PDB file of N, CA and C in Angstrom:
ATOM      1  N   MET A   1     106.504  51.327 125.061  1.00  0.00           N
ATOM      2  CA  MET A   1     105.775  50.755 124.563  1.00  0.00           C
ATOM      3  C   MET A   1     106.774  50.635 123.105  1.00  0.00           C
ATOM      4  N   LYS A   2     106.371  50.313 122.527  1.00  0.00           N
ATOM      5  CA  LYS A   2     107.778  49.293 121.144  1.00  0.00           C
ATOM      6  C   LYS A   2     106.806  50.351 119.952  1.00  0.00           C
ATOM      7  N   SER A   3     107.785  50.475 119.157  1.00  0.00           N
ATOM      8  CA  SER A   3     107.236  51.191 117.570  1.00  0.00           C
ATOM      9  C   SER A   3     106.323  50.038 116.942  1.00  0.00           C
ATOM     10  N   ARG A   4     105.847  50.749 115.464  1.00  0.00           N
ATOM     11  CA  ARG A   4     104.881  50.253 114.968  1.00  0.00           C
ATOM     12  C   ARG A   4     105.051  48.959 114.254  1.00  0.00           C
ATOM     13  N   ASP A   5     106.975  48.606 114.139  1.00  0.00           N
ATOM     14  CA  ASP A   5     107.303  47.843 113.372  1.00  0.00           C
ATOM     15  C   ASP A   5     107.155  46.513 114.346  1.00  0.00           C
ATOM     16  N   ASN A   6     106.582  46.770 115.643  1.00  0.00           N
ATOM     17  CA  ASN A   6     106.228  45.330 116.336  1.00  0.00           C
ATOM     18  C   ASN A   6     104.892  45.131 116.477  1.00  0.00           C
ATOM     19  N   LYS A   7     104.497  43.896 115.906  1.00  0.00           N
ATOM     20  CA  LYS A   7     102.829  43.465 115.467  1.00  0.00           C
ATOM     21  C   LYS A   7     102.007  43.037 117.161  1.00  0.00           C
ATOM     22  N   TYR A   8     100.972  43.081 117.115  1.00  0.00           N
ATOM     23  CA  TYR A   8     100.501  42.642 118.573  1.00  0.00           C
ATOM     24  C   TYR A   8      99.135  42.136 117.842  1.00  0.00           C
ATOM     25  N   THR A   9      98.865  41.076 118.965  1.00  0.00           N
ATOM     26  CA  THR A   9      97.590  40.363 119.090  1.00  0.00           C
ATOM     27  C   THR A   9      96.834  40.736 120.038  1.00  0.00           C
ATOM     28  N   VAL A  10      95.471  41.202 119.881  1.00  0.00           N
ATOM     29  CA  VAL A  10      94.902  42.016 121.128  1.00  0.00           C
ATOM     30  C   VAL A  10      93.514  40.673 121.394  1.00  0.00           C
ATOM     31  N   ILE A  11      93.292  40.122 122.627  1.00  0.00           N
ATOM     32  CA  ILE A  11      92.678  39.194 122.979  1.00  0.00           C
ATOM     33  C   ILE A  11      91.376  39.884 124.150  1.00  0.00           C
ATOM     34  N   THR A  12      90.314  40.026 123.789  1.00  0.00           N
ATOM     35  CA  THR A  12      89.708  40.651 125.006  1.00  0.00           C
ATOM     36  C   THR A  12      89.302  39.304 125.920  1.00  0.00           C
ATOM     37  N   GLY A  13      88.245  39.319 127.237  1.00  0.00           N
ATOM     38  CA  GLY A  13      88.150  38.352 127.592  1.00  0.00           C
ATOM     39  C   GLY A  13      89.668  37.469 127.787  1.00  0.00           C
ATOM     40  N   SER A  14      90.288  37.636 128.669  1.00  0.00           N
ATOM     41  CA  SER A  14      91.959  36.637 128.201  1.00  0.00           C
ATOM     42  C   SER A  14      91.789  36.287 129.887  1.00  0.00           C
ATOM     43  N   SER A  15      91.304  36.624 130.538  1.00  0.00           N
ATOM     44  CA  SER A  15      91.559  36.173 131.989  1.00  0.00           C
ATOM     45  C   SER A  15      91.216  34.590 132.523  1.00  0.00           C
ATOM     46  N   SER A  16      90.320  34.173 131.127  1.00  0.00           N
ATOM     47  CA  SER A  16      90.127  32.815 131.164  1.00  0.00           C
ATOM     48  C   SER A  16      89.216  31.833 130.433  1.00  0.00           C
ATOM     49  N   GLY A  17      89.178  30.778 130.491  1.00  0.00           N
ATOM     50  CA  GLY A  17      88.993  29.797 128.953  1.00  0.00           C
ATOM     51  C   GLY A  17      89.353  30.113 128.078  1.00  0.00           C
ATOM     52  N   ILE A  18      88.561  30.381 127.054  1.00  0.00           N
ATOM     53  CA  ILE A  18      89.013  30.226 125.574  1.00  0.00           C
ATOM     54  C   ILE A  18      90.134  31.616 125.831  1.00  0.00           C
ATOM     55  N   GLY A  19      89.638  32.689 126.291  1.00  0.00           N
ATOM     56  CA  GLY A  19      90.638  33.779 126.023  1.00  0.00           C
ATOM     57  C   GLY A  19      91.764  33.067 126.402  1.00  0.00           C
ATOM     58  N   TYR A  20      91.878  32.900 127.432  1.00  0.00           N
ATOM     59  CA  TYR A  20      93.372  32.622 128.488  1.00  0.00           C
ATOM     60  C   TYR A  20      94.105  31.798 127.189  1.00  0.00           C
ATOM     61  N   ALA A  21      93.305  30.287 127.219  1.00  0.00           N
ATOM     62  CA  ALA A  21      94.051  29.723 126.083  1.00  0.00           C
ATOM     63  C   ALA A  21      94.640  29.781 125.091  1.00  0.00           C
ATOM     64  N   THR A  22      94.298  30.980 124.660  1.00  0.00           N
ATOM     65  CA  THR A  22      94.301  31.459 123.228  1.00  0.00           C
ATOM     66  C   THR A  22      95.626  32.199 123.179  1.00  0.00           C
ATOM     67  N   ALA A  23      95.898  33.394 124.230  1.00  0.00           N
ATOM     68  CA  ALA A  23      96.659  33.960 124.746  1.00  0.00           C
ATOM     69  C   ALA A  23      97.753  33.006 124.517  1.00  0.00           C
ATOM     70  N   ILE A  24      97.898  31.820 125.565  1.00  0.00           N
ATOM     71  CA  ILE A  24      98.859  30.781 125.320  1.00  0.00           C
ATOM     72  C   ILE A  24      99.588  30.375 124.268  1.00  0.00           C
ATOM     73  N   ALA A  25      98.612  30.305 123.469  1.00  0.00           N
ATOM     74  CA  ALA A  25      98.357  29.775 122.037  1.00  0.00           C
ATOM     75  C   ALA A  25      99.003  30.685 121.278  1.00  0.00           C
ATOM     76  N   PHE A  26      99.082  31.919 121.244  1.00  0.00           N
ATOM     77  CA  PHE A  26      99.507  32.968 120.535  1.00  0.00           C
ATOM     78  C   PHE A  26     100.676  33.493 121.165  1.00  0.00           C
ATOM     79  N   ALA A  27     101.068  33.289 122.065  1.00  0.00           N
ATOM     80  CA  ALA A  27     102.023  33.399 122.697  1.00  0.00           C
ATOM     81  C   ALA A  27     103.221  32.466 122.573  1.00  0.00           C
ATOM     82  N   LYS A  28     103.010  31.027 122.523  1.00  0.00           N
ATOM     83  CA  LYS A  28     103.552  29.933 121.784  1.00  0.00           C
ATOM     84  C   LYS A  28     104.099  30.402 120.719  1.00  0.00           C
ATOM     85  N   ARG A  29     103.286  31.174 119.630  1.00  0.00           N
ATOM     86  CA  ARG A  29     103.740  31.387 118.444  1.00  0.00           C
ATOM     87  C   ARG A  29     104.742  32.558 118.029  1.00  0.00           C
ATOM     88  N   ASP A  30     104.902  32.945 119.026  1.00  0.00           N
ATOM     89  CA  ASP A  30     105.829  34.025 119.294  1.00  0.00           C
ATOM     90  C   ASP A  30     104.824  35.336 118.692  1.00  0.00           C
ATOM     91  N   LYS A  31     103.950  35.448 119.117  1.00  0.00           N
ATOM     92  CA  LYS A  31     102.944  37.050 119.032  1.00  0.00           C
ATOM     93  C   LYS A  31     102.623  37.730 120.056  1.00  0.00           C
ATOM     94  N   ASN A  32     103.564  39.064 120.414  1.00  0.00           N
ATOM     95  CA  ASN A  32     103.363  39.977 121.238  1.00  0.00           C
ATOM     96  C   ASN A  32     101.785  40.051 121.671  1.00  0.00           C
ATOM     97  N   LEU A  33     101.562  40.287 122.450  1.00  0.00           N
ATOM     98  CA  LEU A  33     100.015  40.764 122.880  1.00  0.00           C
ATOM     99  C   LEU A  33      99.308  41.600 124.231  1.00  0.00           C
ATOM    100  N   ILE A  34      98.558  42.084 123.555  1.00  0.00           N
ATOM    101  CA  ILE A  34      97.720  42.783 124.819  1.00  0.00           C
ATOM    102  C   ILE A  34      96.108  42.397 124.923  1.00  0.00           C
ATOM    103  N   VAL A  35      96.433  42.091 126.255  1.00  0.00           N
ATOM    104  CA  VAL A  35      95.430  40.881 126.832  1.00  0.00           C
ATOM    105  C   VAL A  35      94.296  41.945 127.588  1.00  0.00           C
ATOM    106  N   ILE A  36      93.176  41.506 127.569  1.00  0.00           N
ATOM    107  CA  ILE A  36      92.306  42.864 128.251  1.00  0.00           C
ATOM    108  C   ILE A  36      91.300  42.084 128.804  1.00  0.00           C
ATOM    109  N   THR A  37      90.809  42.458 129.870  1.00  0.00           N
ATOM    110  CA  THR A  37      89.654  42.170 131.042  1.00  0.00           C
ATOM    111  C   THR A  37      89.534  43.031 132.026  1.00  0.00           C
ATOM    112  N   ARG A  38      88.552  42.669 132.868  1.00  0.00           N
ATOM    113  CA  ARG A  38      88.510  43.902 133.679  1.00  0.00           C
ATOM    114  C   ARG A  38      89.141  43.398 135.139  1.00  0.00           C
ATOM    115  N   ARG A  39      89.585  42.034 135.306  1.00  0.00           N
ATOM    116  CA  ARG A  39      90.270  41.624 136.257  1.00  0.00           C
ATOM    117  C   ARG A  39      91.840  42.074 136.051  1.00  0.00           C
ATOM    118  N   LYS A  40      92.637  42.356 136.994  1.00  0.00           N
ATOM    119  CA  LYS A  40      93.895  42.532 136.605  1.00  0.00           C
ATOM    120  C   LYS A  40      95.016  41.555 137.196  1.00  0.00           C
ATOM    121  N   GLU A  41      94.505  41.265 138.197  1.00  0.00           N
ATOM    122  CA  GLU A  41      95.557  40.012 138.721  1.00  0.00           C
ATOM    123  C   GLU A  41      95.218  38.752 138.085  1.00  0.00           C
ATOM    124  N   LYS A  42      94.246  38.446 137.424  1.00  0.00           N
ATOM    125  CA  LYS A  42      94.248  37.437 136.207  1.00  0.00           C
ATOM    126  C   LYS A  42      95.582  37.854 135.216  1.00  0.00           C
ATOM    127  N   LEU A  43      95.190  38.756 134.522  1.00  0.00           N
ATOM    128  CA  LEU A  43      96.269  39.403 134.119  1.00  0.00           C
ATOM    129  C   LEU A  43      97.364  38.914 134.132  1.00  0.00           C
ATOM    130  N   GLU A  44      97.830  39.790 135.221  1.00  0.00           N
ATOM    131  CA  GLU A  44      99.140  39.808 135.456  1.00  0.00           C
ATOM    132  C   GLU A  44      99.596  37.968 136.012  1.00  0.00           C
ATOM    133  N   ALA A  45      98.605  37.010 136.342  1.00  0.00           N
ATOM    134  CA  ALA A  45      99.069  35.742 136.543  1.00  0.00           C
ATOM    135  C   ALA A  45      99.036  35.187 135.137  1.00  0.00           C
ATOM    136  N   LEU A  46      98.981  35.650 134.017  1.00  0.00           N
ATOM    137  CA  LEU A  46      98.447  35.063 132.113  1.00  0.00           C
ATOM    138  C   LEU A  46      99.941  35.586 132.317  1.00  0.00           C
ATOM    139  N   LYS A  47     100.241  36.909 132.219  1.00  0.00           N
ATOM    140  CA  LYS A  47     101.504  37.358 131.869  1.00  0.00           C
ATOM    141  C   LYS A  47     102.608  36.903 132.572  1.00  0.00           C
ATOM    142  N   GLN A  48     102.606  36.213 133.310  1.00  0.00           N
ATOM    143  CA  GLN A  48     103.731  35.382 134.480  1.00  0.00           C
ATOM    144  C   GLN A  48     104.036  34.522 133.674  1.00  0.00           C
ATOM    145  N   GLU A  49     102.346  34.024 133.649  1.00  0.00           N
ATOM    146  CA  GLU A  49     102.773  31.903 132.772  1.00  0.00           C
ATOM    147  C   GLU A  49     103.392  32.298 131.686  1.00  0.00           C
ATOM    148  N   ILE A  50     103.038  33.392 130.783  1.00  0.00           N
ATOM    149  CA  ILE A  50     103.362  33.533 129.439  1.00  0.00           C
ATOM    150  C   ILE A  50     105.016  33.966 129.125  1.00  0.00           C
ATOM    151  N   ALA A  51     105.338  34.394 130.230  1.00  0.00           N
ATOM    152  CA  ALA A  51     106.690  34.610 130.786  1.00  0.00           C
ATOM    153  C   ALA A  51     107.649  33.533 130.651  1.00  0.00           C
ATOM    154  N   SER A  52     107.116  32.482 131.339  1.00  0.00           N
ATOM    155  CA  SER A  52     107.272  30.911 131.619  1.00  0.00           C
ATOM    156  C   SER A  52     107.873  30.369 130.721  1.00  0.00           C
ATOM    157  N   ILE A  53     106.621  30.499 129.696  1.00  0.00           N
ATOM    158  CA  ILE A  53     106.522  29.599 128.447  1.00  0.00           C
ATOM    159  C   ILE A  53     107.356  30.562 127.195  1.00  0.00           C
ATOM    160  N   ASN A  54     107.425  31.500 127.051  1.00  0.00           N
ATOM    161  CA  ASN A  54     108.095  32.121 126.040  1.00  0.00           C
ATOM    162  C   ASN A  54     108.694  33.644 126.159  1.00  0.00           C
ATOM    163  N   ALA A  55     109.803  33.798 126.781  1.00  0.00           N
ATOM    164  CA  ALA A  55     110.291  34.986 127.713  1.00  0.00           C
ATOM    165  C   ALA A  55     110.161  36.426 126.595  1.00  0.00           C
ATOM    166  N   ASN A  56     110.195  36.075 125.435  1.00  0.00           N
ATOM    167  CA  ASN A  56     110.800  36.856 124.254  1.00  0.00           C
ATOM    168  C   ASN A  56     109.241  37.746 123.789  1.00  0.00           C
ATOM    169  N   VAL A  57     108.185  36.977 124.325  1.00  0.00           N
ATOM    170  CA  VAL A  57     106.754  37.713 123.670  1.00  0.00           C
ATOM    171  C   VAL A  57     106.599  38.688 125.072  1.00  0.00           C
ATOM    172  N   GLU A  58     106.207  39.831 124.405  1.00  0.00           N
ATOM    173  CA  GLU A  58     106.098  41.147 125.006  1.00  0.00           C
ATOM    174  C   GLU A  58     104.249  41.133 125.403  1.00  0.00           C
ATOM    175  N   VAL A  59     103.769  40.988 126.789  1.00  0.00           N
ATOM    176  CA  VAL A  59     102.401  41.350 127.251  1.00  0.00           C
ATOM    177  C   VAL A  59     102.000  42.496 127.506  1.00  0.00           C
ATOM    178  N   VAL A  60     100.958  43.194 127.034  1.00  0.00           N
ATOM    179  CA  VAL A  60     100.650  44.262 127.601  1.00  0.00           C
ATOM    180  C   VAL A  60      98.946  43.816 128.062  1.00  0.00           C
ATOM    181  N   ILE A  61      99.015  44.403 129.441  1.00  0.00           N
ATOM    182  CA  ILE A  61      97.681  44.138 130.551  1.00  0.00           C
ATOM    183  C   ILE A  61      96.941  45.782 130.137  1.00  0.00           C
ATOM    184  N   LYS A  62      95.851  45.417 129.899  1.00  0.00           N
ATOM    185  CA  LYS A  62      94.925  46.156 129.824  1.00  0.00           C
ATOM    186  C   LYS A  62      93.457  46.104 130.693  1.00  0.00           C
ATOM    187  N   VAL A  63      92.961  47.037 131.579  1.00  0.00           N
ATOM    188  CA  VAL A  63      92.058  46.351 132.222  1.00  0.00           C
ATOM    189  C   VAL A  63      90.840  47.625 131.888  1.00  0.00           C
ATOM    190  N   CYS A  64      89.829  47.066 131.575  1.00  0.00           N
ATOM    191  CA  CYS A  64      88.667  47.344 130.820  1.00  0.00           C
ATOM    192  C   CYS A  64      87.496  46.970 131.368  1.00  0.00           C
ATOM    193  N   ASP A  65      86.697  47.652 131.387  1.00  0.00           N
ATOM    194  CA  ASP A  65      85.039  46.589 131.404  1.00  0.00           C
ATOM    195  C   ASP A  65      84.212  47.353 130.498  1.00  0.00           C
ATOM    196  N   LEU A  66      84.306  46.291 129.113  1.00  0.00           N
ATOM    197  CA  LEU A  66      84.016  46.485 127.737  1.00  0.00           C
ATOM    198  C   LEU A  66      82.385  46.901 127.805  1.00  0.00           C
ATOM    199  N   SER A  67      81.474  46.434 129.190  1.00  0.00           N
ATOM    200  CA  SER A  67      80.158  46.308 128.931  1.00  0.00           C
ATOM    201  C   SER A  67      79.768  48.129 128.850  1.00  0.00           C
ATOM    202  N   SER A  68      80.417  49.046 128.728  1.00  0.00           N
ATOM    203  CA  SER A  68      80.302  50.137 128.997  1.00  0.00           C
ATOM    204  C   SER A  68      80.995  50.961 127.484  1.00  0.00           C
ATOM    205  N   ALA A  69      80.227  51.107 126.600  1.00  0.00           N
ATOM    206  CA  ALA A  69      80.515  51.743 124.853  1.00  0.00           C
ATOM    207  C   ALA A  69      81.504  52.647 125.255  1.00  0.00           C
ATOM    208  N   THR A  70      81.753  53.480 125.928  1.00  0.00           N
ATOM    209  CA  THR A  70      82.368  54.507 126.324  1.00  0.00           C
ATOM    210  C   THR A  70      83.842  53.910 126.284  1.00  0.00           C
ATOM    211  N   ASN A  71      84.025  53.096 127.242  1.00  0.00           N
ATOM    212  CA  ASN A  71      85.131  52.083 127.500  1.00  0.00           C
ATOM    213  C   ASN A  71      85.378  51.635 126.670  1.00  0.00           C
ATOM    214  N   ALA A  72      84.791  50.931 125.440  1.00  0.00           N
ATOM    215  CA  ALA A  72      85.180  50.159 124.235  1.00  0.00           C
ATOM    216  C   ALA A  72      85.654  51.396 123.021  1.00  0.00           C
ATOM    217  N   HIS A  73      85.048  52.334 123.019  1.00  0.00           N
ATOM    218  CA  HIS A  73      85.767  53.432 122.603  1.00  0.00           C
ATOM    219  C   HIS A  73      87.397  53.635 123.043  1.00  0.00           C
ATOM    220  N   SER A  74      86.827  54.131 124.176  1.00  0.00           N
ATOM    221  CA  SER A  74      88.460  54.473 124.729  1.00  0.00           C
ATOM    222  C   SER A  74      89.812  53.748 124.922  1.00  0.00           C
ATOM    223  N   LEU A  75      89.180  52.207 124.765  1.00  0.00           N
ATOM    224  CA  LEU A  75      90.240  51.420 124.923  1.00  0.00           C
ATOM    225  C   LEU A  75      90.632  51.618 123.442  1.00  0.00           C
ATOM    226  N   PHE A  76      89.988  51.414 122.378  1.00  0.00           N
ATOM    227  CA  PHE A  76      90.653  51.072 121.349  1.00  0.00           C
ATOM    228  C   PHE A  76      91.355  52.417 120.871  1.00  0.00           C
ATOM    229  N   ASP A  77      90.876  54.019 121.207  1.00  0.00           N
ATOM    230  CA  ASP A  77      91.834  54.943 121.369  1.00  0.00           C
ATOM    231  C   ASP A  77      93.029  54.735 122.020  1.00  0.00           C
ATOM    232  N   ASP A  78      93.141  54.424 123.252  1.00  0.00           N
ATOM    233  CA  ASP A  78      94.076  53.899 123.875  1.00  0.00           C
ATOM    234  C   ASP A  78      95.633  52.697 123.173  1.00  0.00           C
ATOM    235  N   LEU A  79      94.846  52.458 122.096  1.00  0.00           N
ATOM    236  CA  LEU A  79      95.862  51.228 121.865  1.00  0.00           C
ATOM    237  C   LEU A  79      96.154  52.237 120.302  1.00  0.00           C
ATOM    238  N   GLU A  80      96.160  53.197 120.102  1.00  0.00           N
ATOM    239  CA  GLU A  80      96.663  53.864 118.894  1.00  0.00           C
ATOM    240  C   GLU A  80      97.698  53.788 118.524  1.00  0.00           C
ATOM    241  N   ASN A  81      99.087  53.422 119.691  1.00  0.00           N
ATOM    242  CA  ASN A  81     100.533  52.962 119.391  1.00  0.00           C
ATOM    243  C   ASN A  81     100.936  52.112 118.811  1.00  0.00           C
ATOM    244  N   TYR A  82      99.804  51.184 118.929  1.00  0.00           N
ATOM    245  CA  TYR A  82     100.555  49.860 118.623  1.00  0.00           C
ATOM    246  C   TYR A  82      99.729  49.271 117.161  1.00  0.00           C
ATOM    247  N   PHE A  83     100.400  48.510 116.641  1.00  0.00           N
ATOM    248  CA  PHE A  83     100.280  47.744 115.236  1.00  0.00           C
ATOM    249  C   PHE A  83      99.426  46.678 115.704  1.00  0.00           C
ATOM    250  N   ILE A  84      98.558  46.375 115.572  1.00  0.00           N
ATOM    251  CA  ILE A  84      97.283  45.510 115.695  1.00  0.00           C
ATOM    252  C   ILE A  84      97.370  44.341 114.856  1.00  0.00           C
ATOM    253  N   GLU A  85      98.275  43.405 114.675  1.00  0.00           N
ATOM    254  CA  GLU A  85      97.983  42.693 113.815  1.00  0.00           C
ATOM    255  C   GLU A  85      96.724  41.699 113.427  1.00  0.00           C
ATOM    256  N   THR A  86      96.217  41.026 114.674  1.00  0.00           N
ATOM    257  CA  THR A  86      95.258  40.123 114.992  1.00  0.00           C
ATOM    258  C   THR A  86      94.228  41.119 116.414  1.00  0.00           C
ATOM    259  N   TRP A  87      92.558  41.165 115.570  1.00  0.00           N
ATOM    260  CA  TRP A  87      92.353  41.513 116.982  1.00  0.00           C
ATOM    261  C   TRP A  87      90.968  40.225 117.514  1.00  0.00           C
ATOM    262  N   ILE A  88      91.252  39.794 118.502  1.00  0.00           N
ATOM    263  CA  ILE A  88      89.935  38.692 119.167  1.00  0.00           C
ATOM    264  C   ILE A  88      89.031  39.013 119.930  1.00  0.00           C
ATOM    265  N   ASN A  89      87.965  38.955 119.824  1.00  0.00           N
ATOM    266  CA  ASN A  89      86.713  39.842 120.527  1.00  0.00           C
ATOM    267  C   ASN A  89      85.991  38.019 121.289  1.00  0.00           C
ATOM    268  N   ASN A  90      87.065  37.931 122.634  1.00  0.00           N
ATOM    269  CA  ASN A  90      86.511  36.928 123.027  1.00  0.00           C
ATOM    270  C   ASN A  90      85.844  37.976 124.741  1.00  0.00           C
ATOM    271  N   ALA A  91      85.682  38.841 124.474  1.00  0.00           N
ATOM    272  CA  ALA A  91      84.999  38.770 126.255  1.00  0.00           C
ATOM    273  C   ALA A  91      83.443  38.658 125.801  1.00  0.00           C
ATOM    274  N   GLY A  92      82.710  38.506 126.914  1.00  0.00           N
ATOM    275  CA  GLY A  92      81.400  37.666 126.590  1.00  0.00           C
ATOM    276  C   GLY A  92      81.037  36.949 127.645  1.00  0.00           C
ATOM    277  N   PHE A  93      79.793  36.913 127.865  1.00  0.00           N
ATOM    278  CA  PHE A  93      79.383  36.383 128.761  1.00  0.00           C
ATOM    279  C   PHE A  93      77.506  35.806 128.034  1.00  0.00           C
ATOM    280  N   GLY A  94      76.917  34.635 129.632  1.00  0.00           N
ATOM    281  CA  GLY A  94      75.875  34.223 128.753  1.00  0.00           C
ATOM    282  C   GLY A  94      74.958  34.094 130.252  1.00  0.00           C
ATOM    283  N   HIS A  95      73.624  33.717 129.923  1.00  0.00           N
ATOM    284  CA  HIS A  95      72.404  33.946 131.107  1.00  0.00           C
ATOM    285  C   HIS A  95      71.587  33.030 130.412  1.00  0.00           C
ATOM    286  N   TYR A  96      70.856  32.013 131.502  1.00  0.00           N
ATOM    287  CA  TYR A  96      70.476  31.456 130.922  1.00  0.00           C
ATOM    288  C   TYR A  96      68.869  31.211 132.216  1.00  0.00           C
ATOM    289  N   GLY A  97      67.729  30.640 131.810  1.00  0.00           N
ATOM    290  CA  GLY A  97      67.303  30.263 132.328  1.00  0.00           C
ATOM    291  C   GLY A  97      65.494  31.009 132.041  1.00  0.00           C
ATOM    292  N   SER A  98      63.907  30.743 132.690  1.00  0.00           N
ATOM    293  CA  SER A  98      63.268  31.352 132.517  1.00  0.00           C
ATOM    294  C   SER A  98      63.291  33.292 132.413  1.00  0.00           C
ATOM    295  N   VAL A  99      62.460  33.512 131.450  1.00  0.00           N
ATOM    296  CA  VAL A  99      62.524  34.663 131.037  1.00  0.00           C
ATOM    297  C   VAL A  99      61.818  35.149 132.634  1.00  0.00           C
ATOM    298  N   LYS A 100      61.046  35.014 133.229  1.00  0.00           N
ATOM    299  CA  LYS A 100      60.694  35.779 134.197  1.00  0.00           C
ATOM    300  C   LYS A 100      61.539  35.854 135.483  1.00  0.00           C
ATOM    301  N   ASP A 101      62.296  34.930 135.350  1.00  0.00           N
ATOM    302  CA  ASP A 101      63.442  35.130 136.415  1.00  0.00           C
ATOM    303  C   ASP A 101      64.679  35.503 136.318  1.00  0.00           C
ATOM    304  N   GLN A 102      64.757  36.444 135.068  1.00  0.00           N
ATOM    305  CA  GLN A 102      66.366  36.832 134.530  1.00  0.00           C
ATOM    306  C   GLN A 102      65.778  38.644 135.461  1.00  0.00           C
ATOM    307  N   ASP A 103      67.347  38.551 135.839  1.00  0.00           N
ATOM    308  CA  ASP A 103      67.951  39.912 136.090  1.00  0.00           C
ATOM    309  C   ASP A 103      68.032  41.042 135.297  1.00  0.00           C
ATOM    310  N   LEU A 104      67.456  41.562 134.790  1.00  0.00           N
ATOM    311  CA  LEU A 104      67.065  42.506 133.845  1.00  0.00           C
ATOM    312  C   LEU A 104      68.569  43.490 133.576  1.00  0.00           C
ATOM    313  N   ASP A 105      69.468  44.155 134.892  1.00  0.00           N
ATOM    314  CA  ASP A 105      70.721  44.967 134.760  1.00  0.00           C
ATOM    315  C   ASP A 105      71.634  43.583 134.136  1.00  0.00           C
ATOM    316  N   LYS A 106      71.616  42.437 134.558  1.00  0.00           N
ATOM    317  CA  LYS A 106      72.407  41.430 134.423  1.00  0.00           C
ATOM    318  C   LYS A 106      72.604  41.366 132.554  1.00  0.00           C
ATOM    319  N   ILE A 107      70.889  41.493 132.236  1.00  0.00           N
ATOM    320  CA  ILE A 107      71.178  41.151 130.436  1.00  0.00           C
ATOM    321  C   ILE A 107      71.308  42.046 129.663  1.00  0.00           C
ATOM    322  N   GLU A 108      71.092  43.040 130.143  1.00  0.00           N
ATOM    323  CA  GLU A 108      71.210  44.573 129.769  1.00  0.00           C
ATOM    324  C   GLU A 108      73.081  44.628 129.670  1.00  0.00           C
ATOM    325  N   THR A 109      73.793  44.517 130.851  1.00  0.00           N
ATOM    326  CA  THR A 109      75.082  43.968 130.925  1.00  0.00           C
ATOM    327  C   THR A 109      75.672  43.086 129.790  1.00  0.00           C
ATOM    328  N   MET A 110      74.960  42.097 129.548  1.00  0.00           N
ATOM    329  CA  MET A 110      75.339  40.987 128.808  1.00  0.00           C
ATOM    330  C   MET A 110      75.098  41.467 127.362  1.00  0.00           C
ATOM    331  N   LEU A 111      74.154  42.196 126.780  1.00  0.00           N
ATOM    332  CA  LEU A 111      73.809  42.990 125.395  1.00  0.00           C
ATOM    333  C   LEU A 111      74.852  44.208 125.732  1.00  0.00           C
ATOM    334  N   HIS A 112      75.435  44.489 126.132  1.00  0.00           N
ATOM    335  CA  HIS A 112      76.252  45.717 126.047  1.00  0.00           C
ATOM    336  C   HIS A 112      77.685  45.308 125.448  1.00  0.00           C
ATOM    337  N   LEU A 113      77.789  43.947 126.482  1.00  0.00           N
ATOM    338  CA  LEU A 113      79.323  43.595 126.298  1.00  0.00           C
ATOM    339  C   LEU A 113      79.046  42.614 124.776  1.00  0.00           C
ATOM    340  N   ASN A 114      78.193  41.821 124.932  1.00  0.00           N
ATOM    341  CA  ASN A 114      78.261  40.731 124.167  1.00  0.00           C
ATOM    342  C   ASN A 114      77.879  41.408 122.223  1.00  0.00           C
ATOM    343  N   ILE A 115      77.225  41.786 122.359  1.00  0.00           N
ATOM    344  CA  ILE A 115      76.820  43.094 120.593  1.00  0.00           C
ATOM    345  C   ILE A 115      77.342  44.277 120.918  1.00  0.00           C
ATOM    346  N   GLU A 116      77.335  45.463 121.714  1.00  0.00           N
ATOM    347  CA  GLU A 116      77.930  46.557 121.682  1.00  0.00           C
ATOM    348  C   GLU A 116      79.095  46.243 121.264  1.00  0.00           C
ATOM    349  N   ALA A 117      79.898  46.279 122.581  1.00  0.00           N
ATOM    350  CA  ALA A 117      81.551  46.205 122.507  1.00  0.00           C
ATOM    351  C   ALA A 117      81.683  45.856 121.373  1.00  0.00           C
ATOM    352  N   LEU A 118      81.608  44.483 121.055  1.00  0.00           N
ATOM    353  CA  LEU A 118      82.112  43.226 119.786  1.00  0.00           C
ATOM    354  C   LEU A 118      81.798  44.292 118.653  1.00  0.00           C
ATOM    355  N   THR A 119      80.521  45.058 118.146  1.00  0.00           N
ATOM    356  CA  THR A 119      80.683  45.664 117.586  1.00  0.00           C
ATOM    357  C   THR A 119      81.298  47.211 117.074  1.00  0.00           C
ATOM    358  N   ILE A 120      81.310  47.721 118.269  1.00  0.00           N
ATOM    359  CA  ILE A 120      82.667  48.642 118.423  1.00  0.00           C
ATOM    360  C   ILE A 120      83.462  48.682 118.008  1.00  0.00           C
ATOM    361  N   LEU A 121      84.415  47.438 118.649  1.00  0.00           N
ATOM    362  CA  LEU A 121      85.715  46.617 118.181  1.00  0.00           C
ATOM    363  C   LEU A 121      85.853  46.529 116.729  1.00  0.00           C
ATOM    364  N   SER A 122      84.917  45.432 116.675  1.00  0.00           N
ATOM    365  CA  SER A 122      85.110  45.006 115.474  1.00  0.00           C
ATOM    366  C   SER A 122      85.214  46.389 113.872  1.00  0.00           C
ATOM    367  N   THR A 123      83.769  47.412 113.983  1.00  0.00           N
ATOM    368  CA  THR A 123      84.049  47.957 112.911  1.00  0.00           C
ATOM    369  C   THR A 123      85.369  49.160 113.148  1.00  0.00           C
ATOM    370  N   ARG A 124      85.969  49.698 114.420  1.00  0.00           N
ATOM    371  CA  ARG A 124      86.781  50.191 114.583  1.00  0.00           C
ATOM    372  C   ARG A 124      88.083  49.715 113.859  1.00  0.00           C
ATOM    373  N   TYR A 125      88.222  48.131 114.256  1.00  0.00           N
ATOM    374  CA  TYR A 125      89.525  48.029 113.798  1.00  0.00           C
ATOM    375  C   TYR A 125      89.672  47.652 112.515  1.00  0.00           C
ATOM    376  N   VAL A 126      88.378  46.666 111.610  1.00  0.00           N
ATOM    377  CA  VAL A 126      88.800  46.493 110.007  1.00  0.00           C
ATOM    378  C   VAL A 126      88.515  48.004 109.726  1.00  0.00           C
ATOM    379  N   SER A 127      87.864  49.339 109.973  1.00  0.00           N
ATOM    380  CA  SER A 127      88.015  50.450 109.053  1.00  0.00           C
ATOM    381  C   SER A 127      89.450  51.148 109.210  1.00  0.00           C
ATOM    382  N   LYS A 128      90.415  50.516 110.750  1.00  0.00           N
ATOM    383  CA  LYS A 128      91.487  51.203 110.726  1.00  0.00           C
ATOM    384  C   LYS A 128      92.712  50.529 110.161  1.00  0.00           C
ATOM    385  N   TYR A 129      92.283  49.054 109.639  1.00  0.00           N
ATOM    386  CA  TYR A 129      93.411  48.141 109.048  1.00  0.00           C
ATOM    387  C   TYR A 129      92.770  47.981 108.020  1.00  0.00           C
TER     388      TYR A 129
END
């Protein structure tokens, strides 16, 4: 772990799509990254791609299922020793279809991730920095 003099950009949901592209864009701008998602193998691939683009960027991998409020709090606590310059809440997913056809467990998971984790992490970040 680096000293607080080093600055980091945190990106949740960085294993694919917008989060992945955002991580690449920040790496090209010489930003150290803390990338977070549920799938470690995807983060390892991202880390390798970033190393091939910019070997000077430090990439810290954090595997976390943010659909749990407890995990969101634990993740934030785990990042205590990093100076976080930018926090990007990108983790989330959508679900569509008729209400009668919805999987309620999936909808609850979506709400926990898209609303609860977003609020917890944003509030804690703004309160600290």
